[in-house]
Every structure is written in C-alpha cells, then in structure tokens.
Amino acid sequence: MSSKIFSNDWKWQIANRIASRAQLEEYINLTAGERAAFEGEIPLSFAVTPHYAGLIRKSEALRKTVIPTAAENRVGTGELADPLGEENHRATPHLIHTYPDKVLFLATTFCSTYCRYCTRSRMVGKPLAFDVSTFDETFRYIEEHTEIRDVLISGGDPLTMTDSVLEELLSRVRNIPHVRMVRIGSKVPVVLPQRITDELCSVLRKHRVWLSLHFIHADELSPETQSACRKLSDHGIGMVSQTVLLKGVNDDTPSLVNLFYGLLEINVKPYYLLQCDPVQGSEHFRTTVEKGIQLIQSLHGHICGLAVPQYVIDAPGGGGKVPILGKEQIRREGDDVVFLNYLGKEYRYPDPL
C-alpha cells in the first residue's frame, strides 16, 4: 500500500489523481477480475482522487462504484449510450433543453472521480473543447428564451473549475433577468472536499447558487466531507442530495436510513432517490423498479419526513423525472415497466425480470 504523503490542497488532489491500474494498486489490492478489466476496453475513463481512494479501500460498497469490472462491457436489454435522450434536446454545444422552463448547462467534461454507472459516460472524461470562450452561443440562447427560469450547471463536475471561471460563468447567467434559479450538480464535496474553500463559498453565495450533490452511501460521509458541507451551510448555500439506487451498494433500508439521516445532520436535504439510468453496461447496478418502490415505502413513517426523498425514474428518451409513488402507477409489458410523465406521455424503462 502507498506511503505517499497526502495534501489537503484540492489542486494537489487533482494533479495526483489515480488514473491507472498500476497507480491504483499502490492503494488497493485488486482482485483478478478487477485487474483483468483494466486490460480490456472500458467505456468510461477511470480516475479517483487520493481522498476517495482512501474511502473505497475501507468500503466494499463504494469500491463497486469506482473500480472497473468486466460487466461494464455487457450491453443489457434496453440500454443506450444516451439513455435520457439528451442529444435529441441539445440546443447549443453546451446546452440541453428538455423541460419548458429548465435547461441543463454542460460546462465541463471533467470529473475528479468517475462513477462507473455514469449517465454521461458517452462524454465525460473525453478531451472535448469545453471552456468559457465557447459559451457565448449558450448565453445568447438563454437570453433569447425568456421561458427559461432554472439553469442547472453540470457536466462533468463544474466545481472542479477555478473560482475565476465559475465567477465569470455564474455572473453571465445571473445577469439574465428571467433566470430565477441557478443550480450546480456536483460530487466534489464527497470526492474532493478540499475544494470547498471560503473563497469558493463566497462565489456560490454571491450568485445565490443551490447545490445538487451526489451521495450514494453513508461511507461517503467522511470527516472532511462533513466539514465541507457544514462550511457551505454556514455560508448560506442551500444543498440537496441525489442518490442513485444501486444493486449491492445501497439497495436496503438500513443503508438508506443511515445515509439520509447522515445528510440531514450536515444540512443536506435528501431530494431524489433515482432509479439507475439504463446507460450501456449498467445492468449489474440496476435494481428492479418494484424493489425501488418497496424501499421508498419502507422509509415512509419510519424515519423523519425530511429524510425521505422522492423516488423517481428519469424517463428514457427525455421524458423528465417521474416520481413513482406506488405499483398502481406502473404496468409491466414484457421486459419493460410503462408509466406516464408530467405531460401524460407514455414512457418505458427496461426492467427485465
């Protein structure tokens, strides 16, 4: 195991990311299957910060979500490279416009750590030209479409960008009069908590940004992550969490209870429990929809209401997030679960028995 001296500087953490099998084996004893996965083609880049590598070394649940396996190369029933149909709603090179009043602003393809079930594995980690100088068309589009009130900045992970770049980006968005809500989607407080500095918090507070954070297990609630979230909260920054339901990782009631109570304790509101998107190579991560319904119903009345998120399916093809409350809302046709979105349009989620 590695005896390297760690640094709490976030730029050091990124510069010293673990991005190869040889580097990873300095931290973790890999199984034969894990070593073999690195030898073949893997559909998503591999990288993990030294901080998060320390967590996966102690947690079997987290390990499954970061280290490649051969299962990623098996394309299951109904799986797609772009399961949410984002490319069909791409309005500019950086903007996805699916909902009437909301847009998804893809500001970067870079993440400090790559989750193996990533919905955007088709693009994250790829060397695309994502920089502020190419954003002008996106700003013009938002300015011209006055129905847009909510801008979600994601990627990749926008919080891996520098303070000055974020300041410029957020200023441009906030100067558009009809934009009322600005959110950033990020896993940085979990995988790179050193990034949460007073200077970053000042930028986020100045532009009244909400953070939509990605947590999957209580093992992610390290002292550094708890401190980062409390710092954000102390600066008045609102935070909600999105948790992907993952087979063998968090698909049991005690795991979810521990996570959701742990989030409330650091002022993060559990917001979504997401059915895993049917991205290519994700079948080994996906539970059945029936299991998801059982789990969310097991929480109601048994834990604090604030700790209960919405269980949702992001309708494949671009139908948006659909809250699933019970079995009566869905019907089965062969290997698919069928349901209606907010417009009353029918969508299918691959859910082979």
Protein backbone atom coordinates (compact mmCIF):
# COMPACT_ATOMS: atom_id res chain seq x y z
CA MET A 1 0.00 0.00 0.00
CA SER A 2 1.09 3.55 -0.69
CA SER A 3 3.07 5.54 1.85
CA LYS A 4 2.68 8.80 -0.09
CA ILE A 5 2.10 11.98 1.90
CA PHE A 6 -1.35 13.36 1.14
CA SER A 7 -2.05 17.05 0.72
CA ASN A 8 -5.28 18.80 1.60
CA ASP A 9 -4.85 21.17 -1.32
CA TRP A 10 -7.55 20.43 -3.89
CA LYS A 11 -5.29 21.11 -6.84
CA TRP A 12 -2.78 18.60 -5.45
CA GLN A 13 -5.59 16.03 -5.19
CA ILE A 14 -6.45 16.53 -8.87
CA ALA A 15 -2.81 16.58 -10.00
CA ASN A 16 -2.25 13.30 -8.13
CA ARG A 17 -5.40 11.53 -9.29
CA ILE A 18 -5.13 7.77 -9.58
CA ALA A 19 -5.79 7.03 -13.25
CA SER A 20 -4.21 3.66 -13.99
CA ARG A 21 -4.20 0.12 -12.63
CA ALA A 22 -0.58 0.46 -11.50
CA GLN A 23 -1.36 3.61 -9.52
CA LEU A 24 -4.47 2.07 -8.01
CA GLU A 25 -2.57 -0.99 -6.86
CA GLU A 26 -0.39 1.27 -4.72
CA TYR A 27 -3.53 1.89 -2.66
CA ILE A 28 -5.70 -1.21 -3.02
CA ASN A 29 -5.24 -4.96 -3.51
CA LEU A 30 -7.21 -5.67 -6.68
CA THR A 31 -8.98 -8.92 -7.45
CA ALA A 32 -8.06 -10.89 -10.56
CA GLY A 33 -11.31 -9.74 -12.19
CA GLU A 34 -10.60 -6.09 -11.45
CA ARG A 35 -7.09 -6.34 -12.85
CA ALA A 36 -8.42 -8.03 -15.99
CA ALA A 37 -10.98 -5.24 -16.53
CA PHE A 38 -8.16 -2.73 -16.91
CA GLU A 39 -6.62 -4.84 -19.66
CA GLY A 40 -9.63 -4.56 -21.95
CA GLU A 41 -11.66 -1.72 -23.37
CA ILE A 42 -13.63 0.12 -20.73
CA PRO A 43 -16.36 2.50 -21.88
CA LEU A 44 -15.64 5.15 -19.24
CA SER A 45 -12.39 6.76 -18.15
CA PHE A 46 -11.01 5.61 -14.82
CA ALA A 47 -9.87 8.13 -12.22
CA VAL A 48 -10.23 8.59 -8.47
CA THR A 49 -8.83 11.19 -6.09
CA PRO A 50 -6.44 10.02 -3.35
CA HIS A 51 -9.06 11.13 -0.82
CA TYR A 52 -11.79 8.94 -2.27
CA ALA A 53 -9.37 6.06 -2.82
CA GLY A 54 -8.89 6.06 0.94
CA LEU A 55 -12.64 5.64 1.38
CA ILE A 56 -13.05 2.84 -1.17
CA ARG A 57 -10.18 0.98 0.47
CA LYS A 58 -12.37 0.67 3.57
CA SER A 59 -15.78 0.31 1.91
CA GLU A 60 -16.85 -2.60 -0.30
CA ALA A 61 -19.97 -0.64 -1.27
CA LEU A 62 -18.02 2.35 -2.61
CA ARG A 63 -15.40 0.12 -4.23
CA LYS A 64 -18.04 -1.34 -6.56
CA THR A 65 -18.88 2.10 -7.92
CA VAL A 66 -15.36 3.23 -8.83
CA ILE A 67 -13.22 0.25 -9.90
CA PRO A 68 -13.95 -1.05 -13.43
CA THR A 69 -15.29 -4.57 -13.95
CA ALA A 70 -15.89 -6.75 -17.00
CA ALA A 71 -19.66 -6.24 -16.55
CA GLU A 72 -19.32 -2.73 -17.98
CA ASN A 73 -18.75 -4.21 -21.42
CA ARG A 74 -22.02 -6.15 -21.45
CA VAL A 75 -24.90 -4.22 -23.00
CA GLY A 76 -28.14 -5.24 -21.36
CA THR A 77 -31.75 -5.10 -22.54
CA GLY A 78 -32.82 -1.59 -23.45
CA GLU A 79 -29.51 0.04 -22.54
CA LEU A 80 -28.37 3.08 -24.51
CA ALA A 81 -25.28 5.29 -24.74
CA ASP A 82 -27.60 8.28 -24.20
CA PRO A 83 -30.48 6.85 -22.15
CA LEU A 84 -32.10 10.22 -21.37
CA GLY A 85 -32.12 11.36 -24.99
CA GLU A 86 -30.08 14.44 -24.14
CA GLU A 87 -28.55 14.66 -27.61
CA ASN A 88 -32.04 14.96 -29.11
CA HIS A 89 -32.60 18.07 -26.98
CA ARG A 90 -29.22 19.73 -27.48
CA ALA A 91 -29.91 23.38 -28.26
CA THR A 92 -26.27 24.51 -28.36
CA PRO A 93 -22.98 22.62 -27.95
CA HIS A 94 -23.26 23.13 -24.19
CA LEU A 95 -27.00 23.26 -23.56
CA ILE A 96 -29.72 20.60 -23.22
CA HIS A 97 -33.29 21.98 -23.27
CA THR A 98 -35.72 19.22 -22.32
CA TYR A 99 -38.19 20.83 -19.89
CA PRO A 100 -40.05 24.01 -20.92
CA ASP A 101 -38.59 26.27 -18.21
CA LYS A 102 -35.35 24.45 -17.29
CA VAL A 103 -32.05 23.91 -19.11
CA LEU A 104 -29.01 21.78 -18.45
CA PHE A 105 -25.76 23.69 -18.99
CA LEU A 106 -22.89 21.23 -19.60
CA ALA A 107 -19.91 23.35 -18.55
CA THR A 108 -17.17 20.70 -18.45
CA THR A 109 -16.49 17.06 -19.26
CA PHE A 110 -14.03 16.68 -16.36
CA CYS A 111 -14.67 14.90 -13.06
CA SER A 112 -12.06 14.32 -10.39
CA THR A 113 -13.55 10.84 -9.85
CA TYR A 114 -15.59 8.80 -12.35
CA CYS A 115 -18.60 6.76 -11.18
CA ARG A 116 -18.93 3.54 -13.17
CA TYR A 117 -22.72 3.95 -13.63
CA CYS A 118 -22.43 7.49 -15.05
CA THR A 119 -25.33 8.52 -17.29
CA ARG A 120 -22.96 10.66 -19.37
CA SER A 121 -20.22 8.08 -19.86
CA ARG A 122 -20.51 8.85 -23.59
CA MET A 123 -18.87 12.24 -22.99
CA VAL A 124 -17.31 12.67 -19.53
CA GLY A 125 -13.57 12.17 -19.37
CA LYS A 126 -13.30 12.84 -23.10
CA PRO A 127 -10.94 15.62 -24.30
CA LEU A 128 -13.62 17.95 -25.63
CA ALA A 129 -13.18 21.71 -26.00
CA PHE A 130 -15.26 22.88 -23.04
CA ASP A 131 -14.08 26.31 -21.94
CA VAL A 132 -15.70 29.65 -21.17
CA SER A 133 -14.71 31.12 -24.53
CA THR A 134 -17.13 28.72 -26.24
CA PHE A 135 -20.12 29.57 -24.04
CA ASP A 136 -21.35 32.69 -25.88
CA GLU A 137 -23.89 30.81 -28.01
CA THR A 138 -25.32 29.21 -24.88
CA PHE A 139 -25.68 32.54 -23.07
CA ARG A 140 -27.42 34.01 -26.14
CA TYR A 141 -29.83 31.07 -26.27
CA ILE A 142 -30.80 31.51 -22.62
CA GLU A 143 -31.19 35.28 -23.11
CA GLU A 144 -33.45 34.77 -26.14
CA HIS A 145 -35.67 32.14 -24.48
CA THR A 146 -37.46 34.06 -21.77
CA GLU A 147 -39.38 30.97 -20.67
CA ILE A 148 -36.16 29.65 -19.06
CA ARG A 149 -36.23 30.25 -15.31
CA ASP A 150 -33.99 27.48 -14.00
CA VAL A 151 -30.40 26.76 -15.10
CA LEU A 152 -28.69 23.59 -13.86
CA ILE A 153 -24.93 23.75 -14.46
CA SER A 154 -23.42 20.28 -14.66
CA GLY A 155 -21.05 18.25 -16.78
CA GLY A 156 -18.66 16.66 -15.71
CA ASP A 157 -18.33 18.46 -12.40
CA PRO A 158 -18.39 22.29 -12.51
CA LEU A 159 -16.86 22.63 -9.04
CA THR A 160 -13.56 21.33 -10.47
CA MET A 161 -13.34 24.63 -12.37
CA THR A 162 -11.40 27.51 -10.84
CA ASP A 163 -13.02 30.24 -8.79
CA SER A 164 -12.39 32.82 -11.52
CA VAL A 165 -14.01 30.68 -14.22
CA LEU A 166 -17.01 29.92 -12.01
CA GLU A 167 -17.32 33.62 -11.15
CA GLU A 168 -17.46 34.55 -14.82
CA LEU A 169 -19.88 31.76 -15.70
CA LEU A 170 -22.26 32.46 -12.81
CA SER A 171 -22.14 36.22 -13.41
CA ARG A 172 -23.18 35.76 -17.03
CA VAL A 173 -26.09 33.50 -16.05
CA ARG A 174 -27.23 35.73 -13.17
CA ASN A 175 -27.22 38.80 -15.42
CA ILE A 176 -30.04 37.27 -17.47
CA PRO A 177 -33.17 38.83 -15.91
CA HIS A 178 -35.63 35.95 -16.39
CA VAL A 179 -33.34 33.32 -14.78
CA ARG A 180 -34.65 32.84 -11.25
CA MET A 181 -32.87 29.67 -10.14
CA VAL A 182 -29.24 28.61 -10.61
CA ARG A 183 -28.08 25.15 -9.52
CA ILE A 184 -24.81 23.28 -9.77
CA GLY A 185 -24.71 19.49 -9.90
CA SER A 186 -21.60 18.14 -8.15
CA LYS A 187 -19.96 15.27 -6.29
CA VAL A 188 -16.98 17.41 -5.25
CA PRO A 189 -17.85 17.63 -1.52
CA VAL A 190 -17.66 13.82 -1.47
CA VAL A 191 -14.69 13.03 -3.68
CA LEU A 192 -12.75 16.30 -3.41
CA PRO A 193 -13.87 18.02 -0.18
CA GLN A 194 -10.67 20.08 -0.10
CA ARG A 195 -12.17 22.13 -2.96
CA ILE A 196 -14.75 23.66 -0.62
CA THR A 197 -12.80 26.75 0.40
CA ASP A 198 -14.06 30.02 1.87
CA GLU A 199 -13.28 31.67 -1.47
CA LEU A 200 -15.43 29.19 -3.42
CA CYS A 201 -18.24 29.53 -0.89
CA SER A 202 -18.16 33.31 -1.36
CA VAL A 203 -18.59 32.90 -5.13
CA LEU A 204 -21.51 30.49 -4.70
CA ARG A 205 -23.18 32.66 -2.07
CA LYS A 206 -22.77 35.84 -4.14
CA HIS A 207 -24.68 34.25 -7.02
CA ARG A 208 -27.28 32.52 -4.82
CA VAL A 209 -26.44 29.05 -6.08
CA TRP A 210 -28.12 25.86 -4.87
CA LEU A 211 -26.00 22.73 -4.90
CA SER A 212 -27.44 19.42 -6.09
CA LEU A 213 -24.96 16.96 -4.58
CA HIS A 214 -24.44 13.28 -5.35
CA PHE A 215 -24.24 10.92 -2.37
CA ILE A 216 -24.77 7.16 -2.53
CA HIS A 217 -23.75 5.70 0.84
CA ALA A 218 -23.08 6.73 4.43
CA ASP A 219 -19.47 5.58 3.97
CA GLU A 220 -19.00 8.77 1.93
CA LEU A 221 -19.68 10.94 4.97
CA SER A 222 -16.03 11.31 5.93
CA PRO A 223 -14.99 13.98 8.45
CA GLU A 224 -13.67 16.05 5.51
CA THR A 225 -16.99 15.81 3.66
CA GLN A 226 -18.99 16.67 6.76
CA SER A 227 -16.77 19.70 7.33
CA ALA A 228 -17.12 20.78 3.69
CA CYS A 229 -20.92 20.62 3.79
CA ARG A 230 -21.10 22.45 7.10
CA LYS A 231 -18.88 25.18 5.65
CA LEU A 232 -21.22 25.51 2.67
CA SER A 233 -24.20 25.65 5.01
CA ASP A 234 -22.52 28.27 7.22
CA HIS A 235 -22.15 30.41 4.10
CA GLY A 236 -25.89 30.15 3.47
CA ILE A 237 -25.67 27.82 0.46
CA GLY A 238 -28.66 25.51 0.02
CA MET A 239 -27.90 21.84 -0.63
CA VAL A 240 -29.98 18.86 -1.73
CA SER A 241 -28.81 15.33 -2.50
CA GLN A 242 -29.48 12.96 -5.36
CA THR A 243 -28.85 9.30 -4.57
CA VAL A 244 -28.75 6.68 -7.33
CA LEU A 245 -30.24 3.35 -6.24
CA LEU A 246 -27.52 0.76 -6.87
CA LYS A 247 -27.73 -3.02 -6.53
CA GLY A 248 -25.39 -4.35 -3.85
CA VAL A 249 -24.42 -0.83 -2.79
CA ASN A 250 -27.39 0.88 -1.14
CA ASP A 251 -30.45 -1.22 -2.04
CA ASP A 252 -31.52 -1.98 1.53
CA THR A 253 -33.43 0.07 4.07
CA PRO A 254 -30.69 0.37 6.75
CA SER A 255 -28.19 1.73 4.20
CA LEU A 256 -30.64 4.38 3.01
CA VAL A 257 -31.70 5.33 6.54
CA ASN A 258 -28.08 5.79 7.63
CA LEU A 259 -27.30 7.90 4.57
CA PHE A 260 -30.37 10.11 4.72
CA TYR A 261 -30.10 10.84 8.44
CA GLY A 262 -26.38 11.49 7.96
CA LEU A 263 -27.17 14.02 5.24
CA LEU A 264 -29.66 15.90 7.39
CA GLU A 265 -27.02 16.15 10.09
CA ILE A 266 -24.82 18.17 7.70
CA ASN A 267 -27.74 20.27 6.39
CA VAL A 268 -28.18 18.43 3.09
CA LYS A 269 -31.81 17.63 2.24
CA PRO A 270 -32.34 14.17 0.66
CA TYR A 271 -34.13 15.11 -2.56
CA TYR A 272 -34.12 12.26 -5.08
CA LEU A 273 -33.66 8.50 -4.88
CA LEU A 274 -33.03 7.84 -8.56
CA GLN A 275 -33.66 4.58 -10.35
CA CYS A 276 -30.34 3.87 -12.09
CA ASP A 277 -30.47 5.09 -15.69
CA PRO A 278 -30.17 2.32 -18.33
CA VAL A 279 -26.83 3.51 -19.66
CA GLN A 280 -24.80 0.91 -21.56
CA GLY A 281 -23.04 -1.51 -19.23
CA SER A 282 -25.15 -0.68 -16.16
CA GLU A 283 -27.26 -3.83 -15.80
CA HIS A 284 -25.22 -5.10 -12.84
CA PHE A 285 -26.02 -1.87 -10.98
CA ARG A 286 -29.77 -1.71 -11.61
CA THR A 287 -32.41 -2.97 -9.20
CA THR A 288 -35.97 -3.67 -10.30
CA VAL A 289 -38.48 -0.84 -10.12
CA GLU A 290 -40.53 -2.96 -7.72
CA LYS A 291 -37.52 -3.04 -5.37
CA GLY A 292 -37.28 0.74 -5.54
CA ILE A 293 -40.95 1.12 -4.64
CA GLN A 294 -40.56 -1.28 -1.72
CA LEU A 295 -37.56 0.63 -0.42
CA ILE A 296 -39.14 4.08 -0.57
CA GLN A 297 -42.30 2.78 1.07
CA SER A 298 -40.19 1.20 3.83
CA LEU A 299 -38.94 4.69 4.72
CA HIS A 300 -42.29 6.49 4.99
CA GLY A 301 -43.43 6.61 8.59
CA HIS A 302 -40.24 5.01 9.88
CA ILE A 303 -37.82 7.93 9.59
CA CYS A 304 -38.13 11.71 9.79
CA GLY A 305 -40.18 13.03 6.89
CA LEU A 306 -37.39 15.47 5.99
CA ALA A 307 -35.11 12.48 5.45
CA VAL A 308 -37.36 10.86 2.83
CA PRO A 309 -36.54 11.75 -0.80
CA GLN A 310 -38.72 11.29 -3.86
CA TYR A 311 -38.20 8.00 -5.68
CA VAL A 312 -38.01 8.88 -9.38
CA ILE A 313 -37.33 7.36 -12.78
CA ASP A 314 -35.75 9.66 -15.33
CA ALA A 315 -37.89 8.66 -18.28
CA PRO A 316 -35.66 7.17 -21.03
CA GLY A 317 -35.67 9.26 -24.17
CA GLY A 318 -36.06 12.62 -22.45
CA GLY A 319 -39.40 12.46 -20.66
CA GLY A 320 -38.06 14.03 -17.50
CA LYS A 321 -38.05 12.84 -13.91
CA VAL A 322 -41.21 10.98 -12.90
CA PRO A 323 -41.92 10.46 -9.16
CA ILE A 324 -43.04 6.88 -8.55
CA LEU A 325 -45.32 6.56 -5.53
CA GLY A 326 -46.66 3.01 -5.87
CA LYS A 327 -47.21 -0.01 -8.08
CA GLU A 328 -50.57 1.30 -9.29
CA GLN A 329 -48.68 4.00 -11.23
CA ILE A 330 -46.88 1.50 -13.46
CA ARG A 331 -47.70 -1.51 -15.59
CA ARG A 332 -45.49 -4.23 -16.99
CA GLU A 333 -45.20 -5.11 -20.67
CA GLY A 334 -42.64 -7.85 -21.26
CA ASP A 335 -39.25 -6.61 -20.10
CA ASP A 336 -40.43 -3.02 -19.68
CA VAL A 337 -42.13 -1.00 -16.96
CA VAL A 338 -44.52 1.52 -18.53
CA PHE A 339 -45.58 4.82 -16.92
CA LEU A 340 -46.72 8.37 -17.75
CA ASN A 341 -44.61 11.52 -17.39
CA TYR A 342 -45.74 15.03 -16.35
CA LEU A 343 -47.22 15.63 -19.84
CA GLY A 344 -49.22 12.40 -19.76
CA LYS A 345 -46.93 10.83 -22.36
CA GLU A 346 -46.10 7.14 -22.06
CA TYR A 347 -42.50 6.05 -21.41
CA ARG A 348 -40.77 2.71 -20.89
CA TYR A 349 -37.97 1.73 -18.55
CA PRO A 350 -36.16 -1.58 -19.24
CA ASP A 351 -36.79 -3.78 -16.20
CA PRO A 352 -36.30 -7.43 -17.17
CA LEU A 353 -37.45 -9.93 -14.56
